[in-house]
Amino acid sequence: MSPEQEIPSPEKISKKAAKKEASKLEKLRRKQEREQQSEESIRTTTITSLEEEDESFSRNYGDVTIPEIKSTNDSNSGKWREAIEGKSWIDMKNLTKEMIGLEVLIRGRVNTNRPVSSKLGFMTLRQTGGEVSVQCVGIASEEMKVSVKMIRFMKQLSCESFVDVIGVVALPKDPVIGTTQEVEIQVRKVFCVDRVKEEKLPLNVEDAARSKADIQAGKPGANQDTRLNNRVIDLRTPANQAIFRIQSHVQMAFRELLASKDFIEIHTPKLMAGSSEGGSAVFRLDYKGQSACLAQSPQLHKQMAICGDLRRVFEVGPVFRAEDSFTHRHLCEFVGLDVEMDINKHYSELMDLVDELFVCIFTKLNERCSKELEAVRNQFPFQPLKFLPKTLRLTFAEGIEMLKEAGEEVDPLKDLNTESERKLGQLVLEKYNTEFYILHRYPLAARPFYTMPCADNADYSNSFDVFIRGEEIISGAQRVHIPELLEERAKEIGIDVTAISTYINSFRYGAPPHGGFGVGLERVVMLFCALDNIRKTSLFPRDPQRLAP
């Protein structure tokens, strides 16, 4: 303030001047009050007009009623049914700039809800676990028949509720942060299809989607048990949506290549009179007064199908193992991808198929699932799998030698333990620059009773395992198709021959040399994405301690 404008001190102001100044200030205050009252009157009139809505306003929002949702064809059954008449829902992924100005009908979950004022609210809807999302803007307007009560209705829509929105596609003035679509929807009508019934969710999707780095930085997360106990919510995260799409693509690629090679898909029984693999890791049950068990694999019936001249078969189906294995890679029920085929000359024909099949699967996953792999990587960072165009093959003896050279003590006639498998995987990666390889000619003692012994050494077998990132995913072999040898091998490991007599007898009527392999679907996805636990790739996992949900 300049000296000329300096306010005189109180003592320098006369009584007359002070009285004059006070009168001036009072006039100014009264003027400001009149202006404020005028603005408030205008605002109140506008809000009141929007709140005192007629039916043309009130029919633009509300909860979908039970009669409406029962697949009725009566367009007069309620406000929602009337509003959607003649309209078609569009996927949010199709909301682009080319649609600006068009009215659309969309459905999604409320992802976020951000009220701004009594006349303005922002709501984000998402589809398929956040893979697609769009901002919806509600602005009270008499012209658009959007009332303050409708904005209030939007505000109280809880996250995860299902909502239908009818509105006009528009381009926001400023880019929207946190949605996948560049455009927004200017809401004209909004209906709640289904509300979240709980006041507080047992698991927040946002927490379930946190990466390890986010949690270490202090953001709230969720442990594995909490996630699995509330799996229907956990599945909504972008990473989980991606995991099960990737899993679906594994099955599709598996089927595609095998079908192209004249394989046919079969479905074998899961109720068995006897164990298919031997040992005690079997779920036993009463079957109409008879002792039965759940199939540990489709092995026996795959072979019987080959004896029935089906020649080349595969199956995608459940497998049950009663092992008390509390590890990161074992389940009591998993999805098996199984193959069986006739052999012309050598069991290497099986490994040829494994090579072509899985190189094909991995290549197609990288080509078809780039978005899904990135979604998984955002929450669970990992490096792409290293594999060769022609899969590396090592004999079991060569693998043992590599381990011994690295200072590992291993028995050449026993199976490798988990630590040895991991160590060998590291050595193979360092030497051959691949994380996917085949190890064959396993010790006979480490294989099931139906495995064919080697021609040149009865201590070994015509069998193989396949590894990803140092963990076994595939087990395969040439099968014994000689009944007498089958009976002998079964008795050696304690299998009741009478319980599998129909299986053994199927080889008495003429059987071709044959073999096959099996792989766990969940384990393939787990290791391809370098996840730390197989429960992440099982939709509703079953392990020794989990039978629900």
Protein backbone atom coordinates (compact mmCIF):
# COMPACT_ATOMS: atom_id res chain seq x y z
CA MET A 1 0.00 0.00 0.00
CA SER A 2 1.37 3.42 -0.96
CA PRO A 3 1.77 6.22 1.65
CA GLU A 4 -1.04 8.17 -0.04
CA GLN A 5 -3.43 5.25 0.60
CA GLU A 6 -2.29 4.59 4.14
CA ILE A 7 -5.24 4.32 6.54
CA PRO A 8 -4.97 6.93 9.31
CA SER A 9 -4.59 5.66 12.82
CA PRO A 10 -7.73 5.74 15.03
CA GLU A 11 -6.54 8.64 17.07
CA LYS A 12 -6.18 10.84 13.99
CA ILE A 13 -9.81 10.25 12.87
CA SER A 14 -12.41 12.66 14.16
CA LYS A 15 -15.71 11.45 15.56
CA LYS A 16 -17.53 12.83 12.53
CA ALA A 17 -15.20 11.04 10.10
CA ALA A 18 -15.48 7.78 12.05
CA LYS A 19 -19.26 7.96 11.97
CA LYS A 20 -19.17 8.60 8.22
CA GLU A 21 -16.83 5.63 7.66
CA ALA A 22 -19.02 3.30 9.74
CA SER A 23 -22.10 4.32 7.72
CA LYS A 24 -20.23 3.61 4.52
CA LEU A 25 -19.21 0.11 5.68
CA GLU A 26 -22.75 -0.72 6.76
CA LYS A 27 -24.12 0.22 3.32
CA LEU A 28 -21.50 -2.05 1.69
CA ARG A 29 -22.38 -4.96 3.99
CA ARG A 30 -26.11 -4.59 3.22
CA LYS A 31 -25.37 -4.56 -0.52
CA GLN A 32 -23.35 -7.77 -0.26
CA GLU A 33 -26.13 -9.44 1.73
CA ARG A 34 -28.70 -8.49 -0.92
CA GLU A 35 -26.49 -9.89 -3.69
CA GLN A 36 -25.89 -13.11 -1.74
CA GLN A 37 -29.61 -13.53 -1.04
CA SER A 38 -30.34 -13.02 -4.71
CA GLU A 39 -27.80 -15.69 -5.76
CA GLU A 40 -29.12 -18.09 -3.13
CA SER A 41 -32.67 -17.51 -4.32
CA ILE A 42 -31.70 -18.35 -7.91
CA ARG A 43 -29.79 -21.43 -6.79
CA THR A 44 -32.61 -22.61 -4.54
CA THR A 45 -35.17 -22.10 -7.29
CA THR A 46 -33.08 -24.19 -9.70
CA ILE A 47 -32.44 -27.01 -7.23
CA THR A 48 -36.08 -26.99 -6.10
CA SER A 49 -37.26 -27.27 -9.68
CA LEU A 50 -34.92 -30.21 -10.24
CA GLU A 51 -35.90 -31.87 -6.96
CA GLU A 52 -39.61 -31.41 -7.48
CA GLU A 53 -39.44 -33.69 -10.49
CA ASP A 54 -42.36 -34.88 -12.51
CA GLU A 55 -42.68 -38.45 -13.80
CA SER A 56 -40.64 -37.70 -16.93
CA PHE A 57 -37.65 -37.13 -14.61
CA SER A 58 -38.28 -39.91 -12.08
CA ARG A 59 -38.58 -42.58 -14.77
CA ASN A 60 -34.94 -42.05 -15.74
CA TYR A 61 -33.38 -43.78 -12.74
CA GLY A 62 -34.00 -46.36 -10.04
CA ASP A 63 -33.49 -49.97 -9.01
CA VAL A 64 -34.45 -52.67 -11.49
CA THR A 65 -37.39 -54.55 -9.97
CA ILE A 66 -37.65 -58.32 -9.57
CA PRO A 67 -40.54 -58.65 -12.08
CA GLU A 68 -38.45 -56.76 -14.67
CA ILE A 69 -35.38 -58.95 -14.25
CA LYS A 70 -37.29 -62.22 -14.71
CA SER A 71 -36.76 -62.20 -18.48
CA THR A 72 -40.14 -60.61 -19.10
CA ASN A 73 -41.12 -59.43 -22.57
CA ASP A 74 -43.51 -56.85 -21.12
CA SER A 75 -41.97 -53.46 -21.91
CA ASN A 76 -44.43 -51.84 -19.49
CA SER A 77 -43.32 -53.88 -16.48
CA GLY A 78 -41.15 -51.08 -15.11
CA LYS A 79 -38.97 -48.03 -15.71
CA TRP A 80 -35.86 -50.01 -16.63
CA ARG A 81 -37.71 -52.31 -19.05
CA GLU A 82 -39.29 -49.28 -20.69
CA ALA A 83 -35.94 -47.44 -20.95
CA ILE A 84 -34.06 -50.30 -22.66
CA GLU A 85 -36.84 -51.18 -25.11
CA GLY A 86 -35.42 -51.28 -28.62
CA LYS A 87 -31.86 -50.72 -27.44
CA SER A 88 -28.85 -53.04 -27.46
CA TRP A 89 -26.00 -53.12 -24.99
CA ILE A 90 -22.57 -52.40 -26.38
CA ASP A 91 -19.23 -53.48 -24.95
CA MET A 92 -17.28 -50.65 -23.36
CA LYS A 93 -14.23 -51.56 -25.45
CA ASN A 94 -16.18 -50.29 -28.48
CA LEU A 95 -16.67 -46.80 -27.00
CA THR A 96 -14.42 -44.69 -29.23
CA LYS A 97 -14.19 -41.14 -30.59
CA GLU A 98 -16.10 -42.28 -33.68
CA MET A 99 -19.18 -42.66 -31.45
CA ILE A 100 -19.17 -39.10 -30.09
CA GLY A 101 -22.71 -37.73 -30.04
CA LEU A 102 -24.39 -41.14 -30.13
CA GLU A 103 -26.64 -42.42 -27.36
CA VAL A 104 -25.53 -45.81 -25.99
CA LEU A 105 -26.58 -48.40 -23.44
CA ILE A 106 -23.81 -49.97 -21.35
CA ARG A 107 -23.62 -52.27 -18.33
CA GLY A 108 -20.79 -52.57 -15.85
CA ARG A 109 -19.70 -52.74 -12.26
CA VAL A 110 -19.30 -49.53 -10.30
CA ASN A 111 -15.54 -49.24 -9.93
CA THR A 112 -15.38 -45.78 -8.36
CA ASN A 113 -18.03 -43.23 -7.40
CA ARG A 114 -16.99 -39.64 -6.86
CA PRO A 115 -19.74 -37.13 -5.98
CA VAL A 116 -18.74 -33.50 -6.52
CA SER A 117 -21.85 -31.52 -5.63
CA SER A 118 -25.63 -31.86 -5.42
CA LYS A 119 -25.77 -31.33 -9.18
CA LEU A 120 -22.66 -33.16 -10.38
CA GLY A 121 -21.27 -36.68 -9.96
CA PHE A 122 -18.62 -38.88 -11.59
CA MET A 123 -18.83 -42.66 -11.70
CA THR A 124 -16.47 -45.15 -13.33
CA LEU A 125 -17.86 -48.42 -14.68
CA ARG A 126 -15.69 -51.40 -15.57
CA GLN A 127 -16.08 -54.67 -17.44
CA THR A 128 -14.08 -57.92 -17.31
CA GLY A 129 -12.10 -57.18 -14.21
CA GLY A 130 -11.01 -53.70 -15.18
CA GLU A 131 -9.77 -54.65 -18.63
CA VAL A 132 -12.17 -52.00 -19.93
CA SER A 133 -13.50 -48.98 -18.05
CA VAL A 134 -15.24 -45.68 -18.82
CA GLN A 135 -16.16 -42.54 -16.91
CA CYS A 136 -19.84 -41.65 -16.59
CA VAL A 137 -20.78 -38.02 -15.76
CA GLY A 138 -24.11 -37.02 -14.27
CA ILE A 139 -25.09 -33.33 -14.47
CA ALA A 140 -28.44 -32.11 -13.18
CA SER A 141 -30.27 -30.47 -16.06
CA GLU A 142 -33.91 -29.70 -16.77
CA GLU A 143 -33.23 -29.83 -20.50
CA MET A 144 -31.80 -33.37 -20.23
CA LYS A 145 -34.39 -34.39 -17.62
CA VAL A 146 -31.65 -35.21 -15.12
CA SER A 147 -32.78 -34.19 -11.65
CA VAL A 148 -30.87 -33.57 -8.42
CA LYS A 149 -32.59 -36.68 -7.05
CA MET A 150 -31.10 -38.72 -9.91
CA ILE A 151 -27.62 -37.36 -9.07
CA ARG A 152 -28.30 -38.31 -5.44
CA PHE A 153 -29.29 -41.83 -6.61
CA MET A 154 -26.02 -42.12 -8.56
CA LYS A 155 -24.01 -41.06 -5.50
CA GLN A 156 -25.32 -43.89 -3.32
CA LEU A 157 -24.52 -46.65 -5.81
CA SER A 158 -21.91 -48.74 -4.00
CA CYS A 159 -18.77 -50.08 -5.62
CA GLU A 160 -19.13 -53.52 -7.27
CA SER A 161 -22.86 -53.02 -7.92
CA PHE A 162 -24.07 -53.74 -11.46
CA VAL A 163 -25.43 -50.69 -13.26
CA ASP A 164 -27.03 -49.95 -16.63
CA VAL A 165 -26.34 -46.48 -18.03
CA ILE A 166 -27.99 -44.82 -21.02
CA GLY A 167 -26.12 -41.74 -22.13
CA VAL A 168 -24.38 -39.80 -24.86
CA VAL A 169 -20.76 -40.46 -25.82
CA ALA A 170 -18.65 -37.31 -25.39
CA LEU A 171 -15.02 -36.28 -25.39
CA PRO A 172 -13.99 -34.84 -22.01
CA LYS A 173 -12.26 -31.45 -21.92
CA ASP A 174 -9.33 -32.94 -20.03
CA PRO A 175 -8.08 -36.53 -20.53
CA VAL A 176 -9.59 -38.96 -18.03
CA ILE A 177 -7.05 -40.63 -15.75
CA GLY A 178 -7.71 -44.15 -14.61
CA THR A 179 -9.96 -45.42 -17.40
CA THR A 180 -9.17 -47.32 -20.57
CA GLN A 181 -11.52 -45.37 -22.84
CA GLU A 182 -10.74 -41.83 -24.02
CA VAL A 183 -14.39 -40.87 -24.20
CA GLU A 184 -16.92 -40.46 -21.39
CA ILE A 185 -20.66 -41.01 -21.08
CA GLN A 186 -22.93 -38.09 -20.26
CA VAL A 187 -25.60 -39.87 -18.26
CA ARG A 188 -29.23 -39.53 -19.25
CA LYS A 189 -30.62 -42.59 -17.45
CA VAL A 190 -29.17 -44.89 -14.81
CA PHE A 191 -30.58 -48.09 -13.32
CA CYS A 192 -29.10 -50.36 -10.67
CA VAL A 193 -29.39 -53.94 -11.93
CA ASP A 194 -28.02 -55.51 -8.73
CA ARG A 195 -26.67 -53.94 -5.55
CA VAL A 196 -23.92 -55.18 -3.27
CA LYS A 197 -25.87 -56.52 -0.30
CA GLU A 198 -23.08 -56.20 2.27
CA GLU A 199 -22.27 -52.87 3.89
CA LYS A 200 -18.57 -53.75 3.78
CA LEU A 201 -16.96 -56.17 1.35
CA PRO A 202 -14.79 -58.93 2.89
CA LEU A 203 -12.15 -58.14 0.24
CA ASN A 204 -11.63 -54.99 -1.81
CA VAL A 205 -10.79 -55.61 -5.45
CA GLU A 206 -8.28 -52.78 -5.33
CA ASP A 207 -6.45 -54.45 -2.41
CA ALA A 208 -6.50 -57.85 -4.12
CA ALA A 209 -4.89 -56.28 -7.20
CA ARG A 210 -1.90 -54.85 -5.33
CA SER A 211 1.56 -55.93 -6.38
CA LYS A 212 4.18 -56.99 -3.85
CA ALA A 213 5.95 -53.67 -4.42
CA ASP A 214 2.74 -51.74 -3.67
CA ILE A 215 2.24 -53.63 -0.42
CA GLN A 216 5.86 -53.11 0.62
CA ALA A 217 5.35 -49.40 -0.04
CA GLY A 218 2.61 -49.38 2.60
CA LYS A 219 -0.52 -49.80 0.52
CA PRO A 220 -3.13 -52.29 1.80
CA GLY A 221 -3.09 -55.75 0.25
CA ALA A 222 -4.59 -59.18 0.90
CA ASN A 223 -2.98 -62.51 1.79
CA GLN A 224 -3.57 -65.70 -0.16
CA ASP A 225 -6.10 -67.24 2.24
CA THR A 226 -8.20 -64.06 2.31
CA ARG A 227 -8.17 -63.99 -1.46
CA LEU A 228 -9.06 -67.66 -1.87
CA ASN A 229 -11.76 -67.50 0.84
CA ASN A 230 -13.36 -64.69 -1.18
CA ARG A 231 -12.46 -66.01 -4.61
CA VAL A 232 -15.49 -64.53 -6.42
CA ILE A 233 -14.16 -61.07 -5.57
CA ASP A 234 -10.51 -62.01 -6.05
CA LEU A 235 -11.25 -63.21 -9.59
CA ARG A 236 -12.28 -59.68 -10.57
CA THR A 237 -8.71 -58.33 -10.54
CA PRO A 238 -7.06 -57.62 -13.92
CA ALA A 239 -4.30 -60.19 -13.25
CA ASN A 240 -6.74 -62.99 -12.41
CA GLN A 241 -8.92 -62.19 -15.39
CA ALA A 242 -5.78 -62.47 -17.52
CA ILE A 243 -4.55 -65.70 -15.90
CA PHE A 244 -7.71 -67.58 -16.78
CA ARG A 245 -7.82 -66.19 -20.30
CA ILE A 246 -4.25 -67.40 -20.75
CA GLN A 247 -5.31 -70.77 -19.35
CA SER A 248 -8.13 -70.90 -21.89
CA HIS A 249 -5.68 -70.15 -24.70
CA VAL A 250 -3.40 -72.99 -23.56
CA GLN A 251 -6.30 -75.42 -23.94
CA MET A 252 -7.30 -73.98 -27.31
CA ALA A 253 -3.76 -74.24 -28.70
CA PHE A 254 -3.45 -77.77 -27.25
CA ARG A 255 -6.64 -78.86 -28.99
CA GLU A 256 -5.86 -77.04 -32.25
CA LEU A 257 -2.50 -78.67 -32.87
CA LEU A 258 -3.61 -82.17 -31.85
CA ALA A 259 -6.74 -81.96 -33.99
CA SER A 260 -4.55 -80.93 -36.94
CA LYS A 261 -2.61 -84.18 -36.45
CA ASP A 262 -5.72 -86.38 -36.54
CA PHE A 263 -6.09 -86.81 -32.77
CA ILE A 264 -9.61 -87.11 -31.38
CA GLU A 265 -10.76 -85.84 -28.01
CA ILE A 266 -12.16 -88.45 -25.62
CA HIS A 267 -13.67 -88.42 -22.13
CA THR A 268 -12.74 -91.21 -19.75
CA PRO A 269 -14.50 -92.21 -16.50
CA LYS A 270 -13.39 -90.65 -13.23
CA LEU A 271 -14.85 -93.43 -11.09
CA MET A 272 -12.49 -96.39 -10.99
CA ALA A 273 -12.62 -99.86 -9.47
CA GLY A 274 -8.90 -99.68 -8.68
CA SER A 275 -5.99 -97.29 -8.57
CA SER A 276 -4.65 -96.17 -11.95
CA GLU A 277 -1.22 -95.12 -10.68
CA GLY A 278 -0.65 -97.33 -7.64
CA GLY A 279 0.26 -96.15 -4.15
CA SER A 280 -1.95 -94.72 -1.42
CA ALA A 281 -2.53 -91.26 -2.94
CA VAL A 282 -6.06 -92.09 -4.02
CA PHE A 283 -9.50 -90.88 -2.93
CA ARG A 284 -11.54 -93.95 -2.00
CA LEU A 285 -15.32 -94.10 -1.86
CA ASP A 286 -18.24 -96.48 -1.73
CA TYR A 287 -19.82 -97.11 -5.13
CA LYS A 288 -23.17 -98.80 -4.55
CA GLY A 289 -21.63 -101.25 -2.10
CA GLN A 290 -18.41 -101.68 -4.08
CA SER A 291 -15.01 -100.20 -3.29
CA ALA A 292 -14.07 -97.50 -5.78
CA CYS A 293 -11.77 -94.53 -6.15
CA LEU A 294 -11.43 -91.29 -8.10
CA ALA A 295 -9.15 -91.55 -11.13
CA GLN A 296 -5.57 -90.46 -10.52
CA SER A 297 -5.23 -90.07 -14.29
CA PRO A 298 -7.04 -91.18 -17.47
CA GLN A 299 -4.06 -93.45 -18.14
CA LEU A 300 -5.70 -96.86 -18.23
CA HIS A 301 -8.66 -95.81 -20.35
CA LYS A 302 -6.48 -93.84 -22.77
CA GLN A 303 -4.59 -97.04 -23.46
CA MET A 304 -7.78 -99.04 -23.79
CA ALA A 305 -8.95 -96.48 -26.38
CA ILE A 306 -5.76 -97.13 -28.37
CA CYS A 307 -6.50 -100.86 -28.18
CA GLY A 308 -9.93 -100.00 -29.56
CA ASP A 309 -8.18 -98.65 -32.69
CA LEU A 310 -8.73 -94.96 -31.97
CA ARG A 311 -4.97 -94.62 -32.64
CA ARG A 312 -4.48 -91.02 -31.46
CA VAL A 313 -6.46 -89.58 -28.53
CA PHE A 314 -6.32 -86.74 -26.05
CA GLU A 315 -8.34 -85.57 -23.09
CA VAL A 316 -8.81 -82.40 -21.06
CA GLY A 317 -10.35 -83.31 -17.72
CA PRO A 318 -10.08 -83.46 -13.92
CA VAL A 319 -7.43 -85.53 -12.17
CA PHE A 320 -7.51 -86.43 -8.46
CA ARG A 321 -4.53 -86.98 -6.18
CA ALA A 322 -4.93 -87.62 -2.45
CA GLU A 323 -1.32 -86.73 -1.64
CA ASP A 324 -0.75 -84.71 1.53
CA SER A 325 1.49 -82.31 -0.35
CA PHE A 326 1.52 -78.81 1.12
CA THR A 327 3.73 -77.30 -1.57
CA HIS A 328 3.43 -74.38 -3.96
CA ARG A 329 2.93 -76.73 -6.95
CA HIS A 330 0.62 -79.55 -5.77
CA LEU A 331 -3.17 -79.77 -5.79
CA CYS A 332 -5.58 -82.57 -4.87
CA GLU A 333 -7.61 -81.85 -8.01
CA PHE A 334 -6.28 -80.33 -11.20
CA VAL A 335 -7.01 -80.23 -14.93
CA GLY A 336 -5.04 -82.82 -16.85
CA LEU A 337 -4.03 -82.45 -20.50
CA ASP A 338 -3.44 -86.04 -21.57
CA VAL A 339 -2.29 -87.58 -24.84
CA GLU A 340 -1.97 -91.19 -26.04
CA MET A 341 -0.89 -92.42 -29.48
CA ASP A 342 0.39 -95.45 -31.30
CA ILE A 343 4.15 -95.69 -31.84
CA ASN A 344 5.65 -96.84 -35.10
CA LYS A 345 9.26 -97.37 -34.18
CA HIS A 346 10.63 -95.51 -31.15
CA TYR A 347 9.35 -93.65 -28.09
CA SER A 348 11.18 -90.55 -29.38
CA GLU A 349 8.06 -90.04 -31.53
CA LEU A 350 6.32 -88.96 -28.33
CA MET A 351 9.05 -86.43 -27.57
CA ASP A 352 8.78 -85.13 -31.14
CA LEU A 353 5.12 -84.37 -30.48
CA VAL A 354 5.84 -82.75 -27.09
CA ASP A 355 8.44 -80.55 -28.76
CA GLU A 356 6.13 -79.37 -31.53
CA LEU A 357 3.08 -79.07 -29.30
CA PHE A 358 4.55 -76.94 -26.55
CA VAL A 359 6.68 -74.73 -28.76
CA CYS A 360 3.42 -74.08 -30.61
CA ILE A 361 1.53 -73.34 -27.36
CA PHE A 362 4.21 -70.96 -26.04
CA THR A 363 4.47 -69.15 -29.35
CA LYS A 364 0.70 -68.71 -29.61
CA LEU A 365 0.48 -67.43 -26.03
CA ASN A 366 3.06 -64.76 -26.82
CA GLU A 367 1.22 -63.85 -30.02
CA ARG A 368 -2.36 -63.99 -28.80
CA CYS A 369 -2.10 -62.96 -25.15
CA SER A 370 0.20 -59.94 -25.07
CA LYS A 371 -2.39 -57.83 -23.18
CA GLU A 372 -3.12 -60.63 -20.72
CA LEU A 373 0.57 -61.32 -20.09
CA GLU A 374 1.12 -57.62 -19.43
CA ALA A 375 -1.81 -57.57 -16.97
CA VAL A 376 -0.27 -60.49 -15.06
CA ARG A 377 3.16 -58.84 -15.20
CA ASN A 378 1.77 -55.60 -13.71
CA GLN A 379 0.85 -57.41 -10.49
CA PHE A 380 3.29 -60.32 -10.60
CA PRO A 381 6.43 -59.17 -12.48
CA PHE A 382 8.19 -61.90 -14.49
CA GLN A 383 10.56 -62.40 -17.40
CA PRO A 384 9.31 -64.10 -20.61
CA LEU A 385 9.98 -67.84 -20.80
CA LYS A 386 13.14 -68.77 -22.70
CA PHE A 387 12.62 -71.70 -25.07
CA LEU A 388 14.29 -72.98 -28.22
CA PRO A 389 12.68 -73.53 -31.65
CA LYS A 390 13.86 -77.16 -31.33
CA THR A 391 13.49 -78.35 -27.73
CA LEU A 392 16.63 -79.53 -25.97
CA ARG A 393 16.73 -83.25 -25.05
CA LEU A 394 19.05 -84.72 -22.43
CA THR A 395 19.18 -88.27 -21.12
CA PHE A 396 18.69 -88.78 -17.41
CA ALA A 397 22.32 -89.92 -17.20
CA GLU A 398 23.47 -86.68 -18.85
CA GLY A 399 21.44 -84.68 -16.36
CA ILE A 400 22.97 -86.63 -13.47
CA GLU A 401 26.44 -85.94 -14.86
CA MET A 402 25.76 -82.20 -15.07
CA LEU A 403 24.62 -82.22 -11.44
CA LYS A 404 27.68 -84.18 -10.29
CA GLU A 405 30.00 -81.79 -12.12
CA ALA A 406 28.29 -78.97 -10.20
CA GLY A 407 28.99 -80.76 -6.90
CA GLU A 408 25.53 -82.28 -6.39
CA GLU A 409 25.25 -85.80 -4.94
CA VAL A 410 22.46 -87.73 -6.67
CA ASP A 411 21.51 -91.40 -7.02
CA PRO A 412 21.57 -92.39 -10.72
CA LEU A 413 18.81 -94.99 -10.18
CA LYS A 414 16.36 -92.81 -8.25
CA ASP A 415 14.12 -89.94 -9.22
CA LEU A 416 15.36 -86.38 -8.84
CA ASN A 417 14.10 -84.44 -5.84
CA THR A 418 12.77 -80.88 -6.11
CA GLU A 419 16.10 -79.26 -5.24
CA SER A 420 17.97 -81.31 -7.85
CA GLU A 421 15.39 -80.45 -10.51
CA ARG A 422 15.80 -76.75 -9.80
CA LYS A 423 19.57 -76.99 -9.81
CA LEU A 424 19.55 -78.84 -13.12
CA GLY A 425 17.21 -76.18 -14.54
CA GLN A 426 19.75 -73.49 -13.61
CA LEU A 427 22.60 -75.45 -15.19
CA VAL A 428 20.63 -76.02 -18.40
CA LEU A 429 19.74 -72.32 -18.61
CA GLU A 430 23.37 -71.31 -18.18
CA LYS A 431 24.66 -73.82 -20.73
CA TYR A 432 21.89 -73.93 -23.33
CA ASN A 433 19.97 -70.67 -22.73
CA THR A 434 16.60 -72.40 -22.39
CA GLU A 435 14.12 -72.86 -19.54
CA PHE A 436 12.19 -75.59 -21.36
CA TYR A 437 13.78 -78.98 -21.97
CA ILE A 438 13.17 -82.76 -22.02
CA LEU A 439 14.93 -85.27 -19.76
CA HIS A 440 14.47 -88.92 -20.86
CA ARG A 441 15.48 -92.54 -20.05
CA TYR A 442 14.43 -92.30 -16.39
CA PRO A 443 15.21 -95.10 -13.91
CA LEU A 444 12.50 -97.77 -14.14
CA ALA A 445 12.08 -97.75 -10.35
CA ALA A 446 10.94 -94.12 -10.53
CA ARG A 447 8.13 -94.74 -13.02
CA PRO A 448 4.59 -96.24 -12.92
CA PHE A 449 4.06 -99.96 -13.45
CA TYR A 450 2.86 -99.56 -17.05
CA THR A 451 6.16 -97.97 -18.23
CA MET A 452 8.17 -99.92 -20.83
CA PRO A 453 11.73 -100.83 -19.73
CA CYS A 454 14.65 -99.83 -21.98
CA ALA A 455 15.80 -102.43 -24.50
CA ASP A 456 19.48 -102.05 -23.61
CA ASN A 457 19.26 -101.62 -19.81
CA ALA A 458 16.40 -102.92 -17.65
CA ASP A 459 17.28 -100.42 -14.91
CA TYR A 460 16.04 -97.60 -17.14
CA SER A 461 12.83 -96.96 -19.01
CA ASN A 462 11.48 -95.50 -22.24
CA SER A 463 10.17 -92.49 -20.37
CA PHE A 464 10.68 -88.75 -20.06
CA ASP A 465 9.86 -85.67 -18.02
CA VAL A 466 9.64 -82.13 -19.32
CA PHE A 467 10.66 -79.06 -17.33
CA ILE A 468 9.84 -75.36 -17.28
CA ARG A 469 11.95 -73.00 -15.18
CA GLY A 470 13.42 -75.95 -13.25
CA GLU A 471 10.09 -77.59 -12.38
CA GLU A 472 8.57 -80.72 -13.89
CA ILE A 473 5.36 -80.23 -15.86
CA ILE A 474 5.07 -83.29 -18.12
CA SER A 475 5.55 -86.99 -17.53
CA GLY A 476 5.41 -89.44 -20.43
CA ALA A 477 6.54 -92.83 -21.67
CA GLN A 478 6.08 -95.80 -23.94
CA ARG A 479 3.55 -98.14 -22.29
CA VAL A 480 3.78 -101.85 -21.59
CA HIS A 481 1.27 -103.56 -23.86
CA ILE A 482 2.30 -107.13 -22.97
CA PRO A 483 -0.24 -108.56 -20.43
CA GLU A 484 2.19 -110.84 -18.60
CA LEU A 485 4.71 -108.03 -18.06
CA LEU A 486 1.93 -105.68 -16.94
CA GLU A 487 0.75 -108.15 -14.28
CA GLU A 488 4.30 -108.66 -13.07
CA ARG A 489 4.97 -104.91 -12.79
CA ALA A 490 1.63 -104.22 -11.08
CA LYS A 491 2.25 -106.87 -8.42
CA GLU A 492 5.73 -105.48 -7.76
CA ILE A 493 4.31 -102.16 -6.58
CA GLY A 494 1.34 -103.60 -4.69
CA ILE A 495 -1.56 -103.09 -7.12
CA ASP A 496 -4.42 -105.58 -6.88
CA VAL A 497 -4.37 -107.14 -10.35
CA THR A 498 -8.01 -108.25 -10.12
CA ALA A 499 -9.09 -104.60 -9.70
CA ILE A 500 -7.55 -103.70 -13.08
CA SER A 501 -8.27 -106.98 -14.86
CA THR A 502 -10.34 -105.32 -17.61
CA TYR A 503 -7.41 -103.01 -18.34
CA ILE A 504 -4.89 -105.88 -18.55
CA ASN A 505 -7.26 -108.06 -20.56
CA SER A 506 -7.62 -105.32 -23.19
CA PHE A 507 -4.06 -106.13 -24.26
CA ARG A 508 -4.86 -109.83 -24.78
CA TYR A 509 -6.84 -109.06 -27.94
CA GLY A 510 -4.04 -107.42 -29.90
CA ALA A 511 -2.51 -104.03 -29.07
CA PRO A 512 -0.15 -101.75 -31.00
CA PRO A 513 3.00 -100.31 -29.43
CA HIS A 514 1.92 -97.01 -27.94
CA GLY A 515 2.70 -94.29 -25.43
CA GLY A 516 1.65 -90.91 -24.19
CA PHE A 517 2.06 -88.15 -21.67
CA GLY A 518 0.16 -85.98 -19.24
CA VAL A 519 0.56 -82.41 -18.05
CA GLY A 520 -1.21 -80.29 -15.44
CA LEU A 521 -2.86 -77.25 -17.01
CA GLU A 522 -2.51 -75.13 -13.87
CA ARG A 523 1.19 -75.92 -13.60
CA VAL A 524 1.85 -74.94 -17.24
CA VAL A 525 0.26 -71.50 -16.70
CA MET A 526 1.94 -71.05 -13.31
CA LEU A 527 5.40 -71.70 -14.74
CA PHE A 528 4.90 -69.89 -18.03
CA CYS A 529 4.00 -66.77 -16.02
CA ALA A 530 6.59 -67.54 -13.31
CA LEU A 531 3.95 -67.36 -10.56
CA ASP A 532 4.92 -68.47 -7.06
CA ASN A 533 1.91 -70.67 -6.29
CA ILE A 534 -0.28 -73.02 -8.30
CA ARG A 535 -3.35 -71.84 -6.40
CA LYS A 536 -3.15 -68.63 -8.41
CA THR A 537 -3.87 -70.63 -11.59
CA SER A 538 -6.64 -72.84 -10.19
CA LEU A 539 -10.10 -71.29 -10.43
CA PHE A 540 -11.26 -72.78 -7.11
CA PRO A 541 -8.26 -74.72 -5.77
CA ARG A 542 -8.53 -78.01 -3.91
CA ASP A 543 -5.60 -78.88 -1.68
CA PRO A 544 -5.30 -80.99 1.51
CA GLN A 545 -6.77 -78.14 3.56
CA ARG A 546 -9.20 -76.50 1.15
CA LEU A 547 -12.58 -77.87 0.06
CA ALA A 548 -14.38 -74.51 -0.31
CA PRO A 549 -15.46 -72.31 -1.88
